[in-house]
């Protein structure tokens, strides 16, 4: 089922975009992207609270919730003139019933994708990526969708706390299901002290591409992204982008369930998301693990909101570029603006 508005808190859409009902394709027939909430945190292994993530991601902004948001650098309005975005509210999920909840999420996300819109899911813990990607893959073609996954943790465990299902296992479940290929699964930002050698051996056997923070620092983020893009589009038709907010250092994202020091800055994450959505054909996305009860001064909630906006702006810029030259990220802010200047 869907709900009209969030499961928790006030009824509002993402920054004021029009509402729709995912079960009624006519309500989003003109939409490029449909935002949908998956407020499930029943797979959390440490600090709970991500069920409240969709509510705060939708609404944490100091500007008017007026359904428009021009991007200073990319010169597009992803909520207005250059992309059509609608919000279907939250899927109805069931506390304590992880398989039932995942079935509901896969059904909703897959239905949206089959009816022509890009589903953008607001989590929720990372468990929801299993049904998110499965739903998108079923709407396109299994093993023709690559995954780019930002996270401090690989989330490739097998049985954790006596269960096959949880936020530490969705990537293994996806690969084992055949929905995606292990060698087209790309992970960025891994660090810390989990998983152990047996899980890493399994990942290597699947030919996963996992970039540890030490490697990213040594090689440079842009170089790693360049390589990831090459792999992601080799034999695949589209990309699913999954962002666990704990890919960022806890100083930039304290409100999350399993914080791990030494991660991305907010700037690195936003630039990466922007590049992916501008340069690659993104067919689905989720942002997960924003846990408001552990946030401070809305730092994590604001970053989550901006991750969504950077993704949408990148998609809008990709559409605006069309088959022409790609927009240069180094273009000066005021170049070509003003009544006496001509665009360069």
C-alpha atoms as a PDB file:
ATOM      1  CA  UNK A   1       0.000   0.000   0.000  1.00  0.00           C
ATOM      2  CA  UNK A   2       0.947   3.635  -0.178  1.00  0.00           C
ATOM      3  CA  UNK A   3       0.171   6.358   2.272  1.00  0.00           C
ATOM      4  CA  UNK A   4      -0.880   9.882   1.493  1.00  0.00           C
ATOM      5  CA  UNK A   5       2.088  11.601   3.051  1.00  0.00           C
ATOM      6  CA  UNK A   6       4.708  10.288   5.458  1.00  0.00           C
ATOM      7  CA  UNK A   7       4.087   7.456   7.913  1.00  0.00           C
ATOM      8  CA  UNK A   8       5.567   9.664  10.626  1.00  0.00           C
ATOM      9  CA  UNK A   9       5.090  13.385  11.089  1.00  0.00           C
ATOM     10  CA  UNK A  10       3.472  16.116   8.992  1.00  0.00           C
ATOM     11  CA  UNK A  11       2.114  15.550   5.491  1.00  0.00           C
ATOM     12  CA  UNK A  12       4.458  17.313   3.077  1.00  0.00           C
ATOM     13  CA  UNK A  13       6.171  16.514  -0.202  1.00  0.00           C
ATOM     14  CA  UNK A  14       9.848  16.984  -1.038  1.00  0.00           C
ATOM     15  CA  UNK A  15      10.307  20.763  -0.927  1.00  0.00           C
ATOM     16  CA  UNK A  16       6.787  21.304  -2.212  1.00  0.00           C
ATOM     17  CA  UNK A  17       6.817  19.261  -5.440  1.00  0.00           C
ATOM     18  CA  UNK A  18       3.414  17.951  -6.572  1.00  0.00           C
ATOM     19  CA  UNK A  19       2.059  14.832  -4.898  1.00  0.00           C
ATOM     20  CA  UNK A  20       1.110  11.658  -6.742  1.00  0.00           C
ATOM     21  CA  UNK A  21      -0.077   8.116  -6.001  1.00  0.00           C
ATOM     22  CA  UNK A  22       2.312   5.389  -7.139  1.00  0.00           C
ATOM     23  CA  UNK A  23      -0.608   2.994  -7.725  1.00  0.00           C
ATOM     24  CA  UNK A  24      -2.138   5.463 -10.200  1.00  0.00           C
ATOM     25  CA  UNK A  25       0.315   5.860 -13.104  1.00  0.00           C
ATOM     26  CA  UNK A  26      -1.832   8.603 -14.596  1.00  0.00           C
ATOM     27  CA  UNK A  27      -0.925  10.776 -11.590  1.00  0.00           C
ATOM     28  CA  UNK A  28       2.754  10.750 -12.619  1.00  0.00           C
ATOM     29  CA  UNK A  29       2.547  10.121 -16.357  1.00  0.00           C
ATOM     30  CA  UNK A  30       4.484  13.343 -16.967  1.00  0.00           C
ATOM     31  CA  UNK A  31       7.064  12.739 -14.224  1.00  0.00           C
ATOM     32  CA  UNK A  32      10.737  12.081 -14.854  1.00  0.00           C
ATOM     33  CA  UNK A  33      11.368  11.155 -11.215  1.00  0.00           C
ATOM     34  CA  UNK A  34       9.009   9.902  -8.506  1.00  0.00           C
ATOM     35  CA  UNK A  35      10.197  10.254  -4.917  1.00  0.00           C
ATOM     36  CA  UNK A  36       8.907   7.618  -2.526  1.00  0.00           C
ATOM     37  CA  UNK A  37       9.635   6.962   1.127  1.00  0.00           C
ATOM     38  CA  UNK A  38      10.602   3.614   2.639  1.00  0.00           C
ATOM     39  CA  UNK A  39      10.557   4.380   6.385  1.00  0.00           C
ATOM     40  CA  UNK A  40      11.833   0.986   7.530  1.00  0.00           C
ATOM     41  CA  UNK A  41      14.646   0.511  10.043  1.00  0.00           C
ATOM     42  CA  UNK A  42      13.888  -3.025  11.217  1.00  0.00           C
ATOM     43  CA  UNK A  43      17.187  -4.241   9.805  1.00  0.00           C
ATOM     44  CA  UNK A  44      19.309  -1.924  11.931  1.00  0.00           C
ATOM     45  CA  UNK A  45      22.110  -3.563  13.920  1.00  0.00           C
ATOM     46  CA  UNK A  46      23.114  -0.611  16.130  1.00  0.00           C
ATOM     47  CA  UNK A  47      21.368   2.774  16.503  1.00  0.00           C
ATOM     48  CA  UNK A  48      17.752   2.864  15.244  1.00  0.00           C
ATOM     49  CA  UNK A  49      15.782   5.842  13.962  1.00  0.00           C
ATOM     50  CA  UNK A  50      16.233   5.788  10.182  1.00  0.00           C
ATOM     51  CA  UNK A  51      12.489   5.212   9.827  1.00  0.00           C
ATOM     52  CA  UNK A  52      12.207   8.954  10.411  1.00  0.00           C
ATOM     53  CA  UNK A  53      14.648   9.711   7.576  1.00  0.00           C
ATOM     54  CA  UNK A  54      12.123  10.327   4.770  1.00  0.00           C
ATOM     55  CA  UNK A  55      10.301  12.934   6.837  1.00  0.00           C
ATOM     56  CA  UNK A  56      13.383  15.057   7.503  1.00  0.00           C
ATOM     57  CA  UNK A  57      14.985  14.614   4.072  1.00  0.00           C
ATOM     58  CA  UNK A  58      11.812  15.979   2.488  1.00  0.00           C
ATOM     59  CA  UNK A  59      11.596  19.064   4.614  1.00  0.00           C
ATOM     60  CA  UNK A  60      14.973  20.183   5.993  1.00  0.00           C
ATOM     61  CA  UNK A  61      15.727  23.383   4.102  1.00  0.00           C
ATOM     62  CA  UNK A  62      15.881  27.058   4.983  1.00  0.00           C
ATOM     63  CA  UNK A  63      14.301  28.095   1.660  1.00  0.00           C
ATOM     64  CA  UNK A  64      10.611  28.098   0.754  1.00  0.00           C
ATOM     65  CA  UNK A  65       9.039  24.729   0.017  1.00  0.00           C
ATOM     66  CA  UNK A  66       7.776  26.040  -3.298  1.00  0.00           C
ATOM     67  CA  UNK A  67       8.622  23.241  -5.734  1.00  0.00           C
ATOM     68  CA  UNK A  68      11.480  25.102  -7.379  1.00  0.00           C
ATOM     69  CA  UNK A  69      15.221  25.082  -6.706  1.00  0.00           C
ATOM     70  CA  UNK A  70      17.565  26.628  -9.314  1.00  0.00           C
ATOM     71  CA  UNK A  71      21.100  25.248  -9.054  1.00  0.00           C
ATOM     72  CA  UNK A  72      23.720  28.017  -8.948  1.00  0.00           C
ATOM     73  CA  UNK A  73      26.508  26.143 -10.702  1.00  0.00           C
ATOM     74  CA  UNK A  74      24.639  23.861 -13.136  1.00  0.00           C
ATOM     75  CA  UNK A  75      22.064  26.474 -14.194  1.00  0.00           C
ATOM     76  CA  UNK A  76      19.078  24.144 -14.079  1.00  0.00           C
ATOM     77  CA  UNK A  77      15.960  23.962 -11.948  1.00  0.00           C
ATOM     78  CA  UNK A  78      15.431  20.276 -11.257  1.00  0.00           C
ATOM     79  CA  UNK A  79      12.204  20.864  -9.345  1.00  0.00           C
ATOM     80  CA  UNK A  80      10.819  23.323 -11.851  1.00  0.00           C
ATOM     81  CA  UNK A  81      11.506  23.996 -15.509  1.00  0.00           C
ATOM     82  CA  UNK A  82      14.103  21.334 -16.338  1.00  0.00           C
ATOM     83  CA  UNK A  83      12.799  18.147 -14.731  1.00  0.00           C
ATOM     84  CA  UNK A  84       9.407  16.962 -13.540  1.00  0.00           C
ATOM     85  CA  UNK A  85       9.557  15.526 -10.028  1.00  0.00           C
ATOM     86  CA  UNK A  86       6.621  14.221  -7.994  1.00  0.00           C
ATOM     87  CA  UNK A  87       6.362  12.720  -4.524  1.00  0.00           C
ATOM     88  CA  UNK A  88       4.281   9.615  -3.858  1.00  0.00           C
ATOM     89  CA  UNK A  89       4.524   9.793  -0.077  1.00  0.00           C
ATOM     90  CA  UNK A  90       5.643   6.763   1.906  1.00  0.00           C
ATOM     91  CA  UNK A  91       5.163   3.123   1.160  1.00  0.00           C
ATOM     92  CA  UNK A  92       3.467   1.337   4.014  1.00  0.00           C
ATOM     93  CA  UNK A  93       6.039  -0.848   5.727  1.00  0.00           C
ATOM     94  CA  UNK A  94       5.646  -3.026   8.760  1.00  0.00           C
ATOM     95  CA  UNK A  95       7.765  -2.730  11.885  1.00  0.00           C
ATOM     96  CA  UNK A  96       9.265  -6.104  12.783  1.00  0.00           C
ATOM     97  CA  UNK A  97       8.293  -7.754   9.495  1.00  0.00           C
ATOM     98  CA  UNK A  98      11.349  -7.404   7.327  1.00  0.00           C
ATOM     99  CA  UNK A  99      10.433  -9.741   4.447  1.00  0.00           C
ATOM    100  CA  UNK A 100       6.888  -8.355   4.200  1.00  0.00           C
ATOM    101  CA  UNK A 101       8.270  -4.816   4.180  1.00  0.00           C
ATOM    102  CA  UNK A 102      10.838  -5.638   1.507  1.00  0.00           C
ATOM    103  CA  UNK A 103       8.124  -7.177  -0.669  1.00  0.00           C
ATOM    104  CA  UNK A 104       6.049  -3.997  -0.366  1.00  0.00           C
ATOM    105  CA  UNK A 105       9.057  -1.822  -1.265  1.00  0.00           C
ATOM    106  CA  UNK A 106      10.037  -3.947  -4.270  1.00  0.00           C
ATOM    107  CA  UNK A 107       6.457  -3.873  -5.533  1.00  0.00           C
ATOM    108  CA  UNK A 108       6.162  -0.096  -5.262  1.00  0.00           C
ATOM    109  CA  UNK A 109       9.585   0.791  -6.661  1.00  0.00           C
ATOM    110  CA  UNK A 110       9.260  -1.721  -9.508  1.00  0.00           C
ATOM    111  CA  UNK A 111       5.797  -0.436 -10.413  1.00  0.00           C
ATOM    112  CA  UNK A 112       7.063   3.141 -10.672  1.00  0.00           C
ATOM    113  CA  UNK A 113      10.014   2.076 -12.835  1.00  0.00           C
ATOM    114  CA  UNK A 114       7.827  -0.002 -15.144  1.00  0.00           C
ATOM    115  CA  UNK A 115       5.628   3.040 -15.719  1.00  0.00           C
ATOM    116  CA  UNK A 116       8.452   5.172 -16.992  1.00  0.00           C
ATOM    117  CA  UNK A 117       9.664   7.231 -14.038  1.00  0.00           C
ATOM    118  CA  UNK A 118      12.941   7.022 -12.150  1.00  0.00           C
ATOM    119  CA  UNK A 119      12.193   5.936  -8.572  1.00  0.00           C
ATOM    120  CA  UNK A 120      14.132   7.856  -5.915  1.00  0.00           C
ATOM    121  CA  UNK A 121      13.684   6.188  -2.551  1.00  0.00           C
ATOM    122  CA  UNK A 122      14.146   7.912   0.783  1.00  0.00           C
ATOM    123  CA  UNK A 123      15.148   5.385   3.475  1.00  0.00           C
ATOM    124  CA  UNK A 124      15.076   3.872   5.930  1.00  0.00           C
ATOM    125  CA  UNK A 125      18.037   1.688   6.759  1.00  0.00           C
ATOM    126  CA  UNK A 126      20.136   0.058   4.046  1.00  0.00           C
ATOM    127  CA  UNK A 127      17.982  -3.055   4.055  1.00  0.00           C
ATOM    128  CA  UNK A 128      15.710  -1.190   1.628  1.00  0.00           C
ATOM    129  CA  UNK A 129      18.328  -1.217  -1.141  1.00  0.00           C
ATOM    130  CA  UNK A 130      17.745  -4.925  -1.698  1.00  0.00           C
ATOM    131  CA  UNK A 131      14.100  -4.408  -2.778  1.00  0.00           C
ATOM    132  CA  UNK A 132      14.887  -1.034  -4.370  1.00  0.00           C
ATOM    133  CA  UNK A 133      17.434  -2.453  -6.817  1.00  0.00           C
ATOM    134  CA  UNK A 134      15.461  -5.660  -7.339  1.00  0.00           C
ATOM    135  CA  UNK A 135      12.402  -3.628  -8.308  1.00  0.00           C
ATOM    136  CA  UNK A 136      14.322  -1.467 -10.760  1.00  0.00           C
ATOM    137  CA  UNK A 137      16.155  -4.462 -12.255  1.00  0.00           C
ATOM    138  CA  UNK A 138      12.868  -6.295 -12.807  1.00  0.00           C
ATOM    139  CA  UNK A 139      11.519  -3.268 -14.690  1.00  0.00           C
ATOM    140  CA  UNK A 140      14.537  -3.137 -16.997  1.00  0.00           C
ATOM    141  CA  UNK A 141      16.523  -6.356 -17.335  1.00  0.00           C
ATOM    142  CA  UNK A 142      18.222  -8.444 -14.645  1.00  0.00           C
ATOM    143  CA  UNK A 143      22.005  -8.099 -14.706  1.00  0.00           C
ATOM    144  CA  UNK A 144      21.819  -5.129 -17.085  1.00  0.00           C
ATOM    145  CA  UNK A 145      21.774  -2.596 -14.242  1.00  0.00           C
ATOM    146  CA  UNK A 146      25.017  -1.755 -12.451  1.00  0.00           C
ATOM    147  CA  UNK A 147      25.117  -0.443  -8.886  1.00  0.00           C
ATOM    148  CA  UNK A 148      27.275   2.381  -7.530  1.00  0.00           C
ATOM    149  CA  UNK A 149      27.195   2.185  -3.753  1.00  0.00           C
ATOM    150  CA  UNK A 150      28.562   4.808  -1.349  1.00  0.00           C
ATOM    151  CA  UNK A 151      29.041   3.448   2.140  1.00  0.00           C
ATOM    152  CA  UNK A 152      31.430   3.010   5.049  1.00  0.00           C
ATOM    153  CA  UNK A 153      30.423  -0.664   5.096  1.00  0.00           C
ATOM    154  CA  UNK A 154      30.281  -3.303   2.380  1.00  0.00           C
ATOM    155  CA  UNK A 155      26.858  -4.650   3.526  1.00  0.00           C
ATOM    156  CA  UNK A 156      27.754  -8.070   2.136  1.00  0.00           C
ATOM    157  CA  UNK A 157      27.335 -10.137   5.299  1.00  0.00           C
ATOM    158  CA  UNK A 158      25.590 -13.483   5.151  1.00  0.00           C
ATOM    159  CA  UNK A 159      23.953 -14.318   8.475  1.00  0.00           C
ATOM    160  CA  UNK A 160      24.092 -11.476  10.963  1.00  0.00           C
ATOM    161  CA  UNK A 161      22.446 -11.711  14.394  1.00  0.00           C
ATOM    162  CA  UNK A 162      20.851 -14.971  13.270  1.00  0.00           C
ATOM    163  CA  UNK A 163      19.130 -13.505  10.193  1.00  0.00           C
ATOM    164  CA  UNK A 164      19.716 -13.480   6.452  1.00  0.00           C
ATOM    165  CA  UNK A 165      18.099 -10.056   6.228  1.00  0.00           C
ATOM    166  CA  UNK A 166      19.212  -6.714   7.591  1.00  0.00           C
ATOM    167  CA  UNK A 167      21.141  -3.589   6.729  1.00  0.00           C
ATOM    168  CA  UNK A 168      24.448  -5.483   6.727  1.00  0.00           C
ATOM    169  CA  UNK A 169      23.402  -7.970   4.025  1.00  0.00           C
ATOM    170  CA  UNK A 170      21.429  -6.339   1.174  1.00  0.00           C
ATOM    171  CA  UNK A 171      24.274  -6.357  -1.345  1.00  0.00           C
ATOM    172  CA  UNK A 172      24.912 -10.086  -0.884  1.00  0.00           C
ATOM    173  CA  UNK A 173      21.199 -10.841  -1.229  1.00  0.00           C
ATOM    174  CA  UNK A 174      21.045  -8.798  -4.433  1.00  0.00           C
ATOM    175  CA  UNK A 175      23.987 -10.542  -6.057  1.00  0.00           C
ATOM    176  CA  UNK A 176      22.849 -13.991  -4.933  1.00  0.00           C
ATOM    177  CA  UNK A 177      19.376 -13.328  -6.348  1.00  0.00           C
ATOM    178  CA  UNK A 178      20.781 -12.705  -9.832  1.00  0.00           C
ATOM    179  CA  UNK A 179      19.251  -9.226 -10.032  1.00  0.00           C
ATOM    180  CA  UNK A 180      22.691  -7.651 -10.484  1.00  0.00           C
ATOM    181  CA  UNK A 181      26.174  -8.859 -11.383  1.00  0.00           C
ATOM    182  CA  UNK A 182      28.893  -8.872  -8.783  1.00  0.00           C
ATOM    183  CA  UNK A 183      31.414  -7.534 -11.286  1.00  0.00           C
ATOM    184  CA  UNK A 184      29.168  -4.545 -11.982  1.00  0.00           C
ATOM    185  CA  UNK A 185      28.761  -3.689  -8.322  1.00  0.00           C
ATOM    186  CA  UNK A 186      30.931  -0.737  -7.315  1.00  0.00           C
ATOM    187  CA  UNK A 187      31.477   0.400  -3.744  1.00  0.00           C
ATOM    188  CA  UNK A 188      33.170   3.630  -2.650  1.00  0.00           C
ATOM    189  CA  UNK A 189      34.179   4.810   0.802  1.00  0.00           C
ATOM    190  CA  UNK A 190      34.662   1.517   2.656  1.00  0.00           C
ATOM    191  CA  UNK A 191      36.650   1.714   5.876  1.00  0.00           C
ATOM    192  CA  UNK A 192      36.805   0.553   9.466  1.00  0.00           C
ATOM    193  CA  UNK A 193      36.934  -2.978  10.838  1.00  0.00           C
ATOM    194  CA  UNK A 194      34.055  -4.889   9.229  1.00  0.00           C
ATOM    195  CA  UNK A 195      33.582  -7.223   7.391  1.00  0.00           C
ATOM    196  CA  UNK A 196      36.081  -9.948   8.161  1.00  0.00           C
ATOM    197  CA  UNK A 197      38.255 -12.073   5.844  1.00  0.00           C
ATOM    198  CA  UNK A 198      35.576 -14.657   4.956  1.00  0.00           C
ATOM    199  CA  UNK A 199      33.176 -12.000   3.698  1.00  0.00           C
ATOM    200  CA  UNK A 200      35.969 -10.215   1.818  1.00  0.00           C
ATOM    201  CA  UNK A 201      36.861 -13.528   0.150  1.00  0.00           C
ATOM    202  CA  UNK A 202      33.233 -13.928  -0.948  1.00  0.00           C
ATOM    203  CA  UNK A 203      33.283 -10.402  -2.383  1.00  0.00           C
ATOM    204  CA  UNK A 204      36.459 -11.145  -4.298  1.00  0.00           C
ATOM    205  CA  UNK A 205      34.918 -14.343  -5.682  1.00  0.00           C
ATOM    206  CA  UNK A 206      31.985 -12.272  -7.001  1.00  0.00           C
ATOM    207  CA  UNK A 207      34.512  -9.910  -8.641  1.00  0.00           C
ATOM    208  CA  UNK A 208      33.043  -6.920  -6.849  1.00  0.00           C
ATOM    209  CA  UNK A 209      34.782  -3.561  -7.216  1.00  0.00           C
ATOM    210  CA  UNK A 210      35.263  -2.141  -3.728  1.00  0.00           C
ATOM    211  CA  UNK A 211      37.283   1.041  -3.200  1.00  0.00           C
ATOM    212  CA  UNK A 212      38.570   1.528   0.346  1.00  0.00           C
ATOM    213  CA  UNK A 213      39.039   5.062   1.654  1.00  0.00           C
ATOM    214  CA  UNK A 214      42.814   4.562   1.744  1.00  0.00           C
ATOM    215  CA  UNK A 215      42.812   3.754  -1.974  1.00  0.00           C
ATOM    216  CA  UNK A 216      40.579   6.740  -2.748  1.00  0.00           C
ATOM    217  CA  UNK A 217      42.887   9.068  -0.829  1.00  0.00           C
ATOM    218  CA  UNK A 218      45.970   7.651  -2.555  1.00  0.00           C
ATOM    219  CA  UNK A 219      44.576   7.638  -6.107  1.00  0.00           C
ATOM    220  CA  UNK A 220      42.277  10.657  -5.871  1.00  0.00           C
ATOM    221  CA  UNK A 221      38.485  10.642  -5.866  1.00  0.00           C
ATOM    222  CA  UNK A 222      38.072  11.795  -9.474  1.00  0.00           C
ATOM    223  CA  UNK A 223      40.384   9.062 -10.753  1.00  0.00           C
ATOM    224  CA  UNK A 224      38.452   6.416  -8.814  1.00  0.00           C
ATOM    225  CA  UNK A 225      35.144   7.762 -10.114  1.00  0.00           C
ATOM    226  CA  UNK A 226      36.470   7.704 -13.684  1.00  0.00           C
ATOM    227  CA  UNK A 227      37.368   4.035 -13.300  1.00  0.00           C
ATOM    228  CA  UNK A 228      34.058   3.232 -11.628  1.00  0.00           C
ATOM    229  CA  UNK A 229      32.153   4.846 -14.498  1.00  0.00           C
ATOM    230  CA  UNK A 230      34.014   2.726 -17.055  1.00  0.00           C
ATOM    231  CA  UNK A 231      33.153  -0.477 -15.214  1.00  0.00           C
ATOM    232  CA  UNK A 232      29.546   0.520 -14.508  1.00  0.00           C
ATOM    233  CA  UNK A 233      28.705   1.075 -18.178  1.00  0.00           C
ATOM    234  CA  UNK A 234      30.537  -1.974 -19.539  1.00  0.00           C
ATOM    235  CA  UNK A 235      27.719  -4.251 -20.657  1.00  0.00           C
ATOM    236  CA  UNK A 236      25.023  -2.463 -18.664  1.00  0.00           C
ATOM    237  CA  UNK A 237      22.214  -0.154 -19.752  1.00  0.00           C
ATOM    238  CA  UNK A 238      21.785   1.951 -16.627  1.00  0.00           C
ATOM    239  CA  UNK A 239      23.011   2.634 -13.111  1.00  0.00           C
ATOM    240  CA  UNK A 240      21.370   2.427  -9.712  1.00  0.00           C
ATOM    241  CA  UNK A 241      22.899   4.849  -7.205  1.00  0.00           C
ATOM    242  CA  UNK A 242      22.737   3.958  -3.518  1.00  0.00           C
ATOM    243  CA  UNK A 243      23.976   6.463  -0.940  1.00  0.00           C
ATOM    244  CA  UNK A 244      24.424   5.467   2.683  1.00  0.00           C
ATOM    245  CA  UNK A 245      24.926   8.748   4.513  1.00  0.00           C
ATOM    246  CA  UNK A 246      27.532   7.093   6.747  1.00  0.00           C
ATOM    247  CA  UNK A 247      29.934   7.201   3.795  1.00  0.00           C
ATOM    248  CA  UNK A 248      30.645  10.662   5.191  1.00  0.00           C
ATOM    249  CA  UNK A 249      32.757  11.243   8.259  1.00  0.00           C
ATOM    250  CA  UNK A 250      30.590  11.538  11.399  1.00  0.00           C
ATOM    251  CA  UNK A 251      31.665  15.167  11.631  1.00  0.00           C
ATOM    252  CA  UNK A 252      29.686  15.733   8.425  1.00  0.00           C
ATOM    253  CA  UNK A 253      26.876  13.212   9.127  1.00  0.00           C
ATOM    254  CA  UNK A 254      26.498  12.440  12.846  1.00  0.00           C
ATOM    255  CA  UNK A 255      22.872  11.328  12.567  1.00  0.00           C
ATOM    256  CA  UNK A 256      23.316   7.772  11.374  1.00  0.00           C
ATOM    257  CA  UNK A 257      23.101   4.279  12.790  1.00  0.00           C
ATOM    258  CA  UNK A 258      26.676   3.014  12.442  1.00  0.00           C
ATOM    259  CA  UNK A 259      29.063   5.994  12.234  1.00  0.00           C
ATOM    260  CA  UNK A 260      32.650   5.299  11.188  1.00  0.00           C
ATOM    261  CA  UNK A 261      35.342   8.006  11.399  1.00  0.00           C
ATOM    262  CA  UNK A 262      37.538   8.863   8.445  1.00  0.00           C
ATOM    263  CA  UNK A 263      35.033   9.125   5.628  1.00  0.00           C
ATOM    264  CA  UNK A 264      34.074  11.495   2.822  1.00  0.00           C
ATOM    265  CA  UNK A 265      33.456  15.155   3.391  1.00  0.00           C
ATOM    266  CA  UNK A 266      30.032  16.500   2.516  1.00  0.00           C
ATOM    267  CA  UNK A 267      31.610  18.290  -0.449  1.00  0.00           C
ATOM    268  CA  UNK A 268      33.108  15.054  -1.813  1.00  0.00           C
ATOM    269  CA  UNK A 269      29.796  13.240  -1.574  1.00  0.00           C
ATOM    270  CA  UNK A 270      27.801  16.012  -3.236  1.00  0.00           C
ATOM    271  CA  UNK A 271      30.322  16.352  -6.066  1.00  0.00           C
ATOM    272  CA  UNK A 272      30.321  12.587  -6.612  1.00  0.00           C
ATOM    273  CA  UNK A 273      26.537  12.336  -6.718  1.00  0.00           C
ATOM    274  CA  UNK A 274      26.364  15.293  -9.094  1.00  0.00           C
ATOM    275  CA  UNK A 275      28.919  13.734 -11.450  1.00  0.00           C
ATOM    276  CA  UNK A 276      27.188  10.352 -11.491  1.00  0.00           C
ATOM    277  CA  UNK A 277      23.755  11.762 -12.282  1.00  0.00           C
ATOM    278  CA  UNK A 278      25.159  14.161 -14.866  1.00  0.00           C
ATOM    279  CA  UNK A 279      27.442  11.728 -16.679  1.00  0.00           C
ATOM    280  CA  UNK A 280      25.634   8.371 -16.360  1.00  0.00           C
ATOM    281  CA  UNK A 281      22.112   7.092 -17.174  1.00  0.00           C
ATOM    282  CA  UNK A 282      20.747   6.713 -13.645  1.00  0.00           C
ATOM    283  CA  UNK A 283      17.597   4.563 -13.593  1.00  0.00           C
ATOM    284  CA  UNK A 284      17.057   4.428  -9.839  1.00  0.00           C
ATOM    285  CA  UNK A 285      18.437   5.806  -6.599  1.00  0.00           C
ATOM    286  CA  UNK A 286      18.108   5.640  -2.863  1.00  0.00           C
ATOM    287  CA  UNK A 287      19.511   7.548   0.098  1.00  0.00           C
ATOM    288  CA  UNK A 288      19.511   5.695   3.388  1.00  0.00           C
ATOM    289  CA  UNK A 289      20.586   5.643   7.043  1.00  0.00           C
ATOM    290  CA  UNK A 290      19.675   9.235   7.924  1.00  0.00           C
ATOM    291  CA  UNK A 291      18.690   8.817  11.587  1.00  0.00           C
ATOM    292  CA  UNK A 292      17.223  12.047  13.016  1.00  0.00           C
ATOM    293  CA  UNK A 293      17.288  10.978  16.691  1.00  0.00           C
ATOM    294  CA  UNK A 294      21.098  10.992  16.552  1.00  0.00           C
ATOM    295  CA  UNK A 295      21.469  14.128  14.442  1.00  0.00           C
ATOM    296  CA  UNK A 296      22.764  17.450  15.716  1.00  0.00           C
ATOM    297  CA  UNK A 297      21.544  20.819  14.430  1.00  0.00           C
ATOM    298  CA  UNK A 298      20.038  19.012  11.413  1.00  0.00           C
ATOM    299  CA  UNK A 299      23.533  18.483   9.934  1.00  0.00           C
ATOM    300  CA  UNK A 300      22.738  15.034   8.527  1.00  0.00           C
ATOM    301  CA  UNK A 301      19.184  15.899   7.510  1.00  0.00           C
ATOM    302  CA  UNK A 302      20.414  18.906   5.523  1.00  0.00           C
ATOM    303  CA  UNK A 303      23.081  16.816   3.816  1.00  0.00           C
ATOM    304  CA  UNK A 304      20.506  14.162   2.925  1.00  0.00           C
ATOM    305  CA  UNK A 305      18.275  16.820   1.398  1.00  0.00           C
ATOM    306  CA  UNK A 306      21.187  18.197  -0.628  1.00  0.00           C
ATOM    307  CA  UNK A 307      22.193  14.741  -1.859  1.00  0.00           C
ATOM    308  CA  UNK A 308      18.723  14.441  -3.393  1.00  0.00           C
ATOM    309  CA  UNK A 309      18.915  17.933  -4.902  1.00  0.00           C
ATOM    310  CA  UNK A 310      22.389  17.333  -6.372  1.00  0.00           C
ATOM    311  CA  UNK A 311      21.198  14.076  -7.905  1.00  0.00           C
ATOM    312  CA  UNK A 312      18.122  15.687  -9.449  1.00  0.00           C
ATOM    313  CA  UNK A 313      20.141  18.662 -10.708  1.00  0.00           C
ATOM    314  CA  UNK A 314      22.665  16.322 -12.310  1.00  0.00           C
ATOM    315  CA  UNK A 315      19.834  14.487 -14.085  1.00  0.00           C
ATOM    316  CA  UNK A 316      18.356  17.787 -15.242  1.00  0.00           C
ATOM    317  CA  UNK A 317      21.714  18.989 -16.562  1.00  0.00           C
ATOM    318  CA  UNK A 318      22.230  15.685 -18.392  1.00  0.00           C
ATOM    319  CA  UNK A 319      18.863  16.146 -20.101  1.00  0.00           C
ATOM    320  CA  UNK A 320      19.581  19.777 -20.948  1.00  0.00           C
ATOM    321  CA  UNK A 321      22.966  18.894 -22.450  1.00  0.00           C
ATOM    322  CA  UNK A 322      21.364  16.285 -24.712  1.00  0.00           C
ATOM    323  CA  UNK A 323      23.776  15.182 -27.406  1.00  0.00           C
ATOM    324  CA  UNK A 324      25.732  18.420 -27.217  1.00  0.00           C
ATOM    325  CA  UNK A 325      28.833  19.262 -25.192  1.00  0.00           C
ATOM    326  CA  UNK A 326      28.717  18.389 -21.505  1.00  0.00           C
ATOM    327  CA  UNK A 327      28.348  21.299 -19.112  1.00  0.00           C
ATOM    328  CA  UNK A 328      31.729  22.258 -17.650  1.00  0.00           C
ATOM    329  CA  UNK A 329      31.811  22.194 -13.884  1.00  0.00           C
ATOM    330  CA  UNK A 330      34.485  24.909 -13.881  1.00  0.00           C
ATOM    331  CA  UNK A 331      32.264  27.488 -15.607  1.00  0.00           C
ATOM    332  CA  UNK A 332      32.406  30.724 -13.587  1.00  0.00           C
ATOM    333  CA  UNK A 333      29.196  31.556 -11.767  1.00  0.00           C
ATOM    334  CA  UNK A 334      28.451  34.813 -13.598  1.00  0.00           C
ATOM    335  CA  UNK A 335      29.839  33.957 -17.039  1.00  0.00           C
ATOM    336  CA  UNK A 336      27.266  34.700 -19.721  1.00  0.00           C
ATOM    337  CA  UNK A 337      24.785  36.178 -17.262  1.00  0.00           C
ATOM    338  CA  UNK A 338      23.441  39.704 -17.228  1.00  0.00           C
ATOM    339  CA  UNK A 339      21.648  41.787 -19.811  1.00  0.00           C
ATOM    340  CA  UNK A 340      24.842  42.922 -21.572  1.00  0.00           C
ATOM    341  CA  UNK A 341      26.571  39.549 -21.782  1.00  0.00           C
ATOM    342  CA  UNK A 342      26.160  36.734 -24.247  1.00  0.00           C
ATOM    343  CA  UNK A 343      26.431  33.097 -23.065  1.00  0.00           C
ATOM    344  CA  UNK A 344      29.939  31.729 -23.576  1.00  0.00           C
END
